[in-house]
Amino acid sequence: PQILGLFFTEILDSTGLFIMMGLGLNIVVGFAGLLDLGYVAFYAIGAYTVGVLTSSGLGLYQLTFWQAMPIALLAAWLAGIILGLPVLRMRGDYLAIVTLGFGEIVRLLVLSDWLKAYLGGTQGIQSIAQPVIGPLKFNTLQELYYLILIGIAIVAFIAWRLKDSRLGRSWMAIREDEDVAQAMGINLVLTKLLAFSTGALFAGLAGTLGAAKLTSVYPHSMTFIVSINVLVLIIIGGMG
């Protein structure tokens, strides 16, 4: 980043966030074979949770970035379980349509006047706290790049370890044939919920870093096309 300058660092940072989301969606779509078209919702939940908890503009809470981050990750993880529960019996196109609906529901809730006092409505949330480690302040694109890089490394390592684990093999069995997987003793409910929640957790992490990167979060940047871009990323990169 110090060599490339601000413009190309912005591209690097945005790419890094998409890589993180791609690794998460790859668990849901690539490993478990569950087509999720509302994936941006989990990114939004991570970003908005950090925004609500740290923004001096909203004035609701005044936590630091590191205090708010675990709560944001927990919120995204729980959202993955909440989405997973109603879609457990669905497959293929039906699953895709319901997850697409979930993404739109989250976006419209954030935009609504009903929650404007808490989520900022169309104006979004500004003045979001940035990460600070001792004397180090990650308040520029160049410095945040390294934090995003660490995030990618952690997410990639977890995904790589999960792939060949008992859980990873269960996901792949479900992807190939749900009925045979169930006959072999795999718990479909738990395994699918773990796929959704793990993918959501990774998107939530990308959301928290995305919020820190811009120091603001807007509902207009959480559209359906973001989910499609992440899906295209893993289709081109090799699903699973």
C-alpha atoms as a PDB file:
ATOM      1  CA  PRO A   1       0.000   0.000   0.000  1.00  0.00           C
ATOM      2  CA  GLN A   2       2.818   2.447   0.760  1.00  0.00           C
ATOM      3  CA  ILE A   3       4.121   1.954  -2.808  1.00  0.00           C
ATOM      4  CA  LEU A   4       0.786   1.795  -4.647  1.00  0.00           C
ATOM      5  CA  GLY A   5      -0.851   4.892  -3.143  1.00  0.00           C
ATOM      6  CA  LEU A   6      -4.426   5.554  -1.997  1.00  0.00           C
ATOM      7  CA  PHE A   7      -6.385   4.638  -5.146  1.00  0.00           C
ATOM      8  CA  PHE A   8      -4.912   1.164  -5.560  1.00  0.00           C
ATOM      9  CA  THR A   9      -4.975   0.562  -1.803  1.00  0.00           C
ATOM     10  CA  GLU A  10      -8.734   1.210  -1.886  1.00  0.00           C
ATOM     11  CA  ILE A  11      -8.989  -1.501  -4.581  1.00  0.00           C
ATOM     12  CA  LEU A  12      -6.827  -3.881  -2.494  1.00  0.00           C
ATOM     13  CA  ASP A  13      -8.963  -3.308   0.620  1.00  0.00           C
ATOM     14  CA  SER A  14     -12.246  -3.816  -1.244  1.00  0.00           C
ATOM     15  CA  THR A  15     -10.857  -6.964  -2.873  1.00  0.00           C
ATOM     16  CA  GLY A  16      -9.784  -8.219   0.549  1.00  0.00           C
ATOM     17  CA  LEU A  17     -13.298  -7.797   1.945  1.00  0.00           C
ATOM     18  CA  PHE A  18     -14.738  -9.671  -1.042  1.00  0.00           C
ATOM     19  CA  ILE A  19     -12.190 -12.471  -0.568  1.00  0.00           C
ATOM     20  CA  MET A  20     -13.313 -12.795   3.055  1.00  0.00           C
ATOM     21  CA  MET A  21     -16.990 -12.933   2.014  1.00  0.00           C
ATOM     22  CA  GLY A  22     -16.112 -15.367  -0.789  1.00  0.00           C
ATOM     23  CA  LEU A  23     -14.447 -17.753   1.682  1.00  0.00           C
ATOM     24  CA  GLY A  24     -17.591 -17.613   3.835  1.00  0.00           C
ATOM     25  CA  LEU A  25     -20.042 -18.131   0.966  1.00  0.00           C
ATOM     26  CA  ASN A  26     -17.859 -20.973  -0.318  1.00  0.00           C
ATOM     27  CA  ILE A  27     -18.666 -22.890   2.886  1.00  0.00           C
ATOM     28  CA  VAL A  28     -22.419 -22.457   2.320  1.00  0.00           C
ATOM     29  CA  VAL A  29     -22.518 -22.936  -1.469  1.00  0.00           C
ATOM     30  CA  GLY A  30     -19.241 -24.717  -2.264  1.00  0.00           C
ATOM     31  CA  PHE A  31     -18.991 -27.163   0.654  1.00  0.00           C
ATOM     32  CA  ALA A  32     -22.632 -27.679   1.679  1.00  0.00           C
ATOM     33  CA  GLY A  33     -24.291 -26.999  -1.692  1.00  0.00           C
ATOM     34  CA  LEU A  34     -26.858 -24.544  -0.229  1.00  0.00           C
ATOM     35  CA  LEU A  35     -27.451 -21.690  -2.689  1.00  0.00           C
ATOM     36  CA  ASP A  36     -27.586 -18.447  -0.672  1.00  0.00           C
ATOM     37  CA  LEU A  37     -28.526 -15.292  -2.627  1.00  0.00           C
ATOM     38  CA  GLY A  38     -29.008 -13.057   0.423  1.00  0.00           C
ATOM     39  CA  TYR A  39     -25.457 -13.287   1.690  1.00  0.00           C
ATOM     40  CA  VAL A  40     -24.951  -9.505   1.806  1.00  0.00           C
ATOM     41  CA  ALA A  41     -27.393  -9.414   4.753  1.00  0.00           C
ATOM     42  CA  PHE A  42     -24.755 -10.930   7.065  1.00  0.00           C
ATOM     43  CA  TYR A  43     -22.166  -8.377   5.920  1.00  0.00           C
ATOM     44  CA  ALA A  44     -24.727  -5.653   6.677  1.00  0.00           C
ATOM     45  CA  ILE A  45     -25.517  -7.087  10.125  1.00  0.00           C
ATOM     46  CA  GLY A  46     -21.798  -7.102  11.055  1.00  0.00           C
ATOM     47  CA  ALA A  47     -21.277  -3.558   9.764  1.00  0.00           C
ATOM     48  CA  TYR A  48     -24.439  -2.108  11.320  1.00  0.00           C
ATOM     49  CA  THR A  49     -23.830  -3.743  14.712  1.00  0.00           C
ATOM     50  CA  VAL A  50     -20.376  -2.143  14.918  1.00  0.00           C
ATOM     51  CA  GLY A  51     -21.907   1.135  13.727  1.00  0.00           C
ATOM     52  CA  VAL A  52     -24.666   1.172  16.346  1.00  0.00           C
ATOM     53  CA  LEU A  53     -22.295   0.224  19.183  1.00  0.00           C
ATOM     54  CA  THR A  54     -19.443   2.633  18.362  1.00  0.00           C
ATOM     55  CA  SER A  55     -20.875   5.615  16.445  1.00  0.00           C
ATOM     56  CA  SER A  56     -20.589   8.964  18.189  1.00  0.00           C
ATOM     57  CA  GLY A  57     -23.066  10.291  15.614  1.00  0.00           C
ATOM     58  CA  LEU A  58     -25.901   8.069  16.811  1.00  0.00           C
ATOM     59  CA  GLY A  59     -24.930   8.499  20.447  1.00  0.00           C
ATOM     60  CA  LEU A  60     -26.542   5.251  21.611  1.00  0.00           C
ATOM     61  CA  TYR A  61     -23.391   3.448  22.798  1.00  0.00           C
ATOM     62  CA  GLN A  62     -19.743   4.444  22.944  1.00  0.00           C
ATOM     63  CA  LEU A  63     -17.854   1.139  22.748  1.00  0.00           C
ATOM     64  CA  THR A  64     -14.438   0.811  21.113  1.00  0.00           C
ATOM     65  CA  PHE A  65     -14.092  -1.117  17.845  1.00  0.00           C
ATOM     66  CA  TRP A  66     -12.580  -4.160  19.608  1.00  0.00           C
ATOM     67  CA  GLN A  67     -15.358  -4.234  22.223  1.00  0.00           C
ATOM     68  CA  ALA A  68     -18.042  -4.055  19.526  1.00  0.00           C
ATOM     69  CA  MET A  69     -16.454  -6.613  17.174  1.00  0.00           C
ATOM     70  CA  PRO A  70     -17.281  -9.809  19.166  1.00  0.00           C
ATOM     71  CA  ILE A  71     -20.893  -8.622  19.579  1.00  0.00           C
ATOM     72  CA  ALA A  72     -21.118  -7.961  15.805  1.00  0.00           C
ATOM     73  CA  LEU A  73     -19.716 -11.426  15.039  1.00  0.00           C
ATOM     74  CA  LEU A  74     -22.185 -13.012  17.461  1.00  0.00           C
ATOM     75  CA  ALA A  75     -25.067 -11.079  15.838  1.00  0.00           C
ATOM     76  CA  ALA A  76     -24.047 -12.295  12.347  1.00  0.00           C
ATOM     77  CA  TRP A  77     -23.626 -15.881  13.599  1.00  0.00           C
ATOM     78  CA  LEU A  78     -27.100 -15.839  15.201  1.00  0.00           C
ATOM     79  CA  ALA A  79     -28.563 -14.338  12.010  1.00  0.00           C
ATOM     80  CA  GLY A  80     -27.102 -17.319  10.111  1.00  0.00           C
ATOM     81  CA  ILE A  81     -28.939 -19.698  12.471  1.00  0.00           C
ATOM     82  CA  ILE A  82     -32.175 -17.664  12.210  1.00  0.00           C
ATOM     83  CA  LEU A  83     -31.998 -17.844   8.396  1.00  0.00           C
ATOM     84  CA  GLY A  84     -31.078 -21.542   8.531  1.00  0.00           C
ATOM     85  CA  LEU A  85     -34.063 -22.629  10.645  1.00  0.00           C
ATOM     86  CA  PRO A  86     -36.903 -21.895   8.152  1.00  0.00           C
ATOM     87  CA  VAL A  87     -34.993 -23.169   5.087  1.00  0.00           C
ATOM     88  CA  LEU A  88     -33.856 -26.553   6.430  1.00  0.00           C
ATOM     89  CA  ARG A  89     -36.310 -28.532   4.305  1.00  0.00           C
ATOM     90  CA  MET A  90     -35.755 -26.505   1.126  1.00  0.00           C
ATOM     91  CA  ARG A  91     -33.481 -27.305  -1.776  1.00  0.00           C
ATOM     92  CA  GLY A  92     -32.354 -25.731  -5.030  1.00  0.00           C
ATOM     93  CA  ASP A  93     -34.355 -22.824  -6.437  1.00  0.00           C
ATOM     94  CA  TYR A  94     -36.720 -22.631  -3.443  1.00  0.00           C
ATOM     95  CA  LEU A  95     -33.785 -22.181  -1.085  1.00  0.00           C
ATOM     96  CA  ALA A  96     -32.277 -19.491  -3.330  1.00  0.00           C
ATOM     97  CA  ILE A  97     -35.551 -17.501  -3.414  1.00  0.00           C
ATOM     98  CA  VAL A  98     -36.014 -17.581   0.389  1.00  0.00           C
ATOM     99  CA  THR A  99     -32.406 -16.483   1.047  1.00  0.00           C
ATOM    100  CA  LEU A 100     -32.818 -13.711  -1.546  1.00  0.00           C
ATOM    101  CA  GLY A 101     -35.911 -12.590   0.392  1.00  0.00           C
ATOM    102  CA  PHE A 102     -33.941 -12.567   3.654  1.00  0.00           C
ATOM    103  CA  GLY A 103     -31.320 -10.248   2.126  1.00  0.00           C
ATOM    104  CA  GLU A 104     -34.025  -7.849   0.935  1.00  0.00           C
ATOM    105  CA  ILE A 105     -35.829  -7.919   4.309  1.00  0.00           C
ATOM    106  CA  VAL A 106     -32.636  -6.838   6.112  1.00  0.00           C
ATOM    107  CA  ARG A 107     -32.003  -4.037   3.586  1.00  0.00           C
ATOM    108  CA  LEU A 108     -35.581  -2.713   3.815  1.00  0.00           C
ATOM    109  CA  LEU A 109     -35.558  -2.844   7.634  1.00  0.00           C
ATOM    110  CA  VAL A 110     -32.377  -0.767   7.678  1.00  0.00           C
ATOM    111  CA  LEU A 111     -33.918   1.740   5.242  1.00  0.00           C
ATOM    112  CA  SER A 112     -37.190   2.061   7.146  1.00  0.00           C
ATOM    113  CA  ASP A 113     -38.225   5.140   9.159  1.00  0.00           C
ATOM    114  CA  TRP A 114     -39.412   2.706  11.837  1.00  0.00           C
ATOM    115  CA  LEU A 115     -35.802   2.004  12.898  1.00  0.00           C
ATOM    116  CA  LYS A 116     -34.306   5.364  11.844  1.00  0.00           C
ATOM    117  CA  ALA A 117     -33.472   6.404  15.431  1.00  0.00           C
ATOM    118  CA  TYR A 118     -31.380   3.244  15.870  1.00  0.00           C
ATOM    119  CA  LEU A 119     -30.009   2.550  12.361  1.00  0.00           C
ATOM    120  CA  GLY A 120     -29.940   5.988  10.722  1.00  0.00           C
ATOM    121  CA  GLY A 121     -32.449   5.213   7.937  1.00  0.00           C
ATOM    122  CA  THR A 122     -31.383   6.319   4.440  1.00  0.00           C
ATOM    123  CA  GLN A 123     -28.610   8.497   5.926  1.00  0.00           C
ATOM    124  CA  GLY A 124     -26.846   5.451   7.358  1.00  0.00           C
ATOM    125  CA  ILE A 125     -24.451   5.632  10.314  1.00  0.00           C
ATOM    126  CA  GLN A 126     -21.409   7.923  10.402  1.00  0.00           C
ATOM    127  CA  SER A 127     -18.469   8.422  12.800  1.00  0.00           C
ATOM    128  CA  ILE A 128     -17.863   4.695  13.364  1.00  0.00           C
ATOM    129  CA  ALA A 129     -14.881   3.949  15.619  1.00  0.00           C
ATOM    130  CA  GLN A 130     -11.716   2.599  14.008  1.00  0.00           C
ATOM    131  CA  PRO A 131      -9.419  -0.142  15.355  1.00  0.00           C
ATOM    132  CA  VAL A 132      -6.689   0.933  17.767  1.00  0.00           C
ATOM    133  CA  ILE A 133      -4.015  -1.414  19.172  1.00  0.00           C
ATOM    134  CA  GLY A 134      -1.961   0.418  21.806  1.00  0.00           C
ATOM    135  CA  PRO A 135      -0.221   3.316  20.034  1.00  0.00           C
ATOM    136  CA  LEU A 136      -1.201   1.948  16.577  1.00  0.00           C
ATOM    137  CA  LYS A 137      -4.238   3.585  14.977  1.00  0.00           C
ATOM    138  CA  PHE A 138      -5.685   1.818  11.925  1.00  0.00           C
ATOM    139  CA  ASN A 139      -7.316   4.976  10.574  1.00  0.00           C
ATOM    140  CA  THR A 140      -6.060   4.998   6.980  1.00  0.00           C
ATOM    141  CA  LEU A 141      -6.641   2.666   4.035  1.00  0.00           C
ATOM    142  CA  GLN A 142      -2.958   1.720   4.032  1.00  0.00           C
ATOM    143  CA  GLU A 143      -2.986   0.610   7.665  1.00  0.00           C
ATOM    144  CA  LEU A 144      -6.353  -1.157   7.445  1.00  0.00           C
ATOM    145  CA  TYR A 145      -4.957  -3.247   4.559  1.00  0.00           C
ATOM    146  CA  TYR A 146      -2.822  -5.221   7.044  1.00  0.00           C
ATOM    147  CA  LEU A 147      -5.779  -5.811   9.341  1.00  0.00           C
ATOM    148  CA  ILE A 148      -7.852  -7.071   6.390  1.00  0.00           C
ATOM    149  CA  LEU A 149      -4.923  -9.307   5.373  1.00  0.00           C
ATOM    150  CA  ILE A 150      -4.833 -10.841   8.888  1.00  0.00           C
ATOM    151  CA  GLY A 151      -8.613 -11.357   8.683  1.00  0.00           C
ATOM    152  CA  ILE A 152      -8.267 -13.180   5.355  1.00  0.00           C
ATOM    153  CA  ALA A 153      -5.481 -15.376   6.762  1.00  0.00           C
ATOM    154  CA  ILE A 154      -7.596 -16.388   9.793  1.00  0.00           C
ATOM    155  CA  VAL A 155     -10.728 -17.065   7.703  1.00  0.00           C
ATOM    156  CA  ALA A 156      -8.766 -18.992   5.043  1.00  0.00           C
ATOM    157  CA  PHE A 157      -7.046 -21.125   7.700  1.00  0.00           C
ATOM    158  CA  ILE A 158     -10.368 -21.979   9.406  1.00  0.00           C
ATOM    159  CA  ALA A 159     -12.020 -22.805   6.047  1.00  0.00           C
ATOM    160  CA  TRP A 160      -9.043 -24.957   5.012  1.00  0.00           C
ATOM    161  CA  ARG A 161      -9.100 -26.875   8.316  1.00  0.00           C
ATOM    162  CA  LEU A 162     -12.878 -27.325   8.155  1.00  0.00           C
ATOM    163  CA  LYS A 163     -12.790 -28.747   4.620  1.00  0.00           C
ATOM    164  CA  ASP A 164     -11.121 -32.020   5.610  1.00  0.00           C
ATOM    165  CA  SER A 165     -12.704 -32.243   9.065  1.00  0.00           C
ATOM    166  CA  ARG A 166     -15.627 -34.493  10.000  1.00  0.00           C
ATOM    167  CA  LEU A 167     -17.950 -31.494   9.626  1.00  0.00           C
ATOM    168  CA  GLY A 168     -16.513 -30.574   6.220  1.00  0.00           C
ATOM    169  CA  ARG A 169     -17.006 -34.105   4.918  1.00  0.00           C
ATOM    170  CA  SER A 170     -20.582 -34.024   6.239  1.00  0.00           C
ATOM    171  CA  TRP A 171     -21.212 -30.790   4.301  1.00  0.00           C
ATOM    172  CA  MET A 172     -19.893 -32.393   1.114  1.00  0.00           C
ATOM    173  CA  ALA A 173     -22.008 -35.496   1.652  1.00  0.00           C
ATOM    174  CA  ILE A 174     -25.112 -33.281   1.958  1.00  0.00           C
ATOM    175  CA  ARG A 175     -24.077 -31.421  -1.206  1.00  0.00           C
ATOM    176  CA  GLU A 176     -23.855 -34.656  -3.194  1.00  0.00           C
ATOM    177  CA  ASP A 177     -27.017 -36.355  -1.859  1.00  0.00           C
ATOM    178  CA  GLU A 178     -29.035 -35.307   1.188  1.00  0.00           C
ATOM    179  CA  ASP A 179     -30.996 -38.551   1.457  1.00  0.00           C
ATOM    180  CA  VAL A 180     -27.906 -40.775   1.368  1.00  0.00           C
ATOM    181  CA  ALA A 181     -26.134 -38.449   3.853  1.00  0.00           C
ATOM    182  CA  GLN A 182     -29.057 -38.769   6.256  1.00  0.00           C
ATOM    183  CA  ALA A 183     -29.103 -42.544   5.801  1.00  0.00           C
ATOM    184  CA  MET A 184     -25.406 -42.603   6.733  1.00  0.00           C
ATOM    185  CA  GLY A 185     -26.255 -40.968  10.080  1.00  0.00           C
ATOM    186  CA  ILE A 186     -25.444 -37.316   9.328  1.00  0.00           C
ATOM    187  CA  ASN A 187     -27.625 -34.881  11.291  1.00  0.00           C
ATOM    188  CA  LEU A 188     -28.992 -32.680   8.477  1.00  0.00           C
ATOM    189  CA  VAL A 189     -30.449 -29.999  10.768  1.00  0.00           C
ATOM    190  CA  LEU A 190     -27.275 -29.368  12.770  1.00  0.00           C
ATOM    191  CA  THR A 191     -24.943 -29.689   9.770  1.00  0.00           C
ATOM    192  CA  LYS A 192     -26.902 -27.209   7.636  1.00  0.00           C
ATOM    193  CA  LEU A 193     -27.223 -24.738  10.505  1.00  0.00           C
ATOM    194  CA  LEU A 194     -23.459 -24.905  11.079  1.00  0.00           C
ATOM    195  CA  ALA A 195     -22.867 -24.174   7.366  1.00  0.00           C
ATOM    196  CA  PHE A 196     -25.146 -21.115   7.400  1.00  0.00           C
ATOM    197  CA  SER A 197     -23.832 -19.788  10.713  1.00  0.00           C
ATOM    198  CA  THR A 198     -20.134 -20.274   9.825  1.00  0.00           C
ATOM    199  CA  GLY A 199     -20.605 -18.530   6.468  1.00  0.00           C
ATOM    200  CA  ALA A 200     -22.505 -15.728   8.214  1.00  0.00           C
ATOM    201  CA  LEU A 201     -19.721 -15.332  10.797  1.00  0.00           C
ATOM    202  CA  PHE A 202     -17.119 -14.748   8.059  1.00  0.00           C
ATOM    203  CA  ALA A 203     -19.380 -12.203   6.308  1.00  0.00           C
ATOM    204  CA  GLY A 204     -19.933 -10.469   9.656  1.00  0.00           C
ATOM    205  CA  LEU A 205     -16.149 -10.176  10.090  1.00  0.00           C
ATOM    206  CA  ALA A 206     -15.886  -8.600   6.615  1.00  0.00           C
ATOM    207  CA  GLY A 207     -18.723  -6.240   7.606  1.00  0.00           C
ATOM    208  CA  THR A 208     -16.964  -5.028  10.752  1.00  0.00           C
ATOM    209  CA  LEU A 209     -13.763  -4.281   8.804  1.00  0.00           C
ATOM    210  CA  GLY A 210     -15.792  -2.692   5.985  1.00  0.00           C
ATOM    211  CA  ALA A 211     -17.442  -0.352   8.493  1.00  0.00           C
ATOM    212  CA  ALA A 212     -14.032   0.565   9.958  1.00  0.00           C
ATOM    213  CA  LYS A 213     -12.676   1.175   6.453  1.00  0.00           C
ATOM    214  CA  LEU A 214     -15.343   3.753   5.547  1.00  0.00           C
ATOM    215  CA  THR A 215     -16.089   4.918   9.151  1.00  0.00           C
ATOM    216  CA  SER A 216     -19.692   4.847   7.922  1.00  0.00           C
ATOM    217  CA  VAL A 217     -22.272   2.366   6.677  1.00  0.00           C
ATOM    218  CA  TYR A 218     -25.097   2.986   4.196  1.00  0.00           C
ATOM    219  CA  PRO A 219     -28.031   0.759   3.202  1.00  0.00           C
ATOM    220  CA  HIS A 220     -27.464   1.594  -0.490  1.00  0.00           C
ATOM    221  CA  SER A 221     -24.167  -0.312  -0.439  1.00  0.00           C
ATOM    222  CA  MET A 222     -25.898  -3.507   0.814  1.00  0.00           C
ATOM    223  CA  THR A 223     -27.781  -4.392  -2.370  1.00  0.00           C
ATOM    224  CA  PHE A 224     -28.525  -7.744  -4.009  1.00  0.00           C
ATOM    225  CA  ILE A 225     -25.717  -7.193  -6.548  1.00  0.00           C
ATOM    226  CA  VAL A 226     -23.121  -7.571  -3.742  1.00  0.00           C
ATOM    227  CA  SER A 227     -24.369 -11.118  -3.058  1.00  0.00           C
ATOM    228  CA  ILE A 228     -24.205 -11.858  -6.795  1.00  0.00           C
ATOM    229  CA  ASN A 229     -20.640 -10.500  -7.009  1.00  0.00           C
ATOM    230  CA  VAL A 230     -19.532 -12.764  -4.142  1.00  0.00           C
ATOM    231  CA  LEU A 231     -21.241 -15.744  -5.813  1.00  0.00           C
ATOM    232  CA  VAL A 232     -19.557 -14.942  -9.154  1.00  0.00           C
ATOM    233  CA  LEU A 233     -16.231 -14.715  -7.301  1.00  0.00           C
ATOM    234  CA  ILE A 234     -16.473 -18.295  -6.030  1.00  0.00           C
ATOM    235  CA  ILE A 235     -17.886 -19.650  -9.322  1.00  0.00           C
ATOM    236  CA  ILE A 236     -14.878 -18.245 -11.219  1.00  0.00           C
ATOM    237  CA  GLY A 237     -12.447 -19.140  -8.441  1.00  0.00           C
ATOM    238  CA  GLY A 238     -13.717 -22.723  -8.210  1.00  0.00           C
ATOM    239  CA  MET A 239     -16.629 -23.686  -6.021  1.00  0.00           C
ATOM    240  CA  GLY A 240     -15.672 -25.784  -3.022  1.00  0.00           C
END
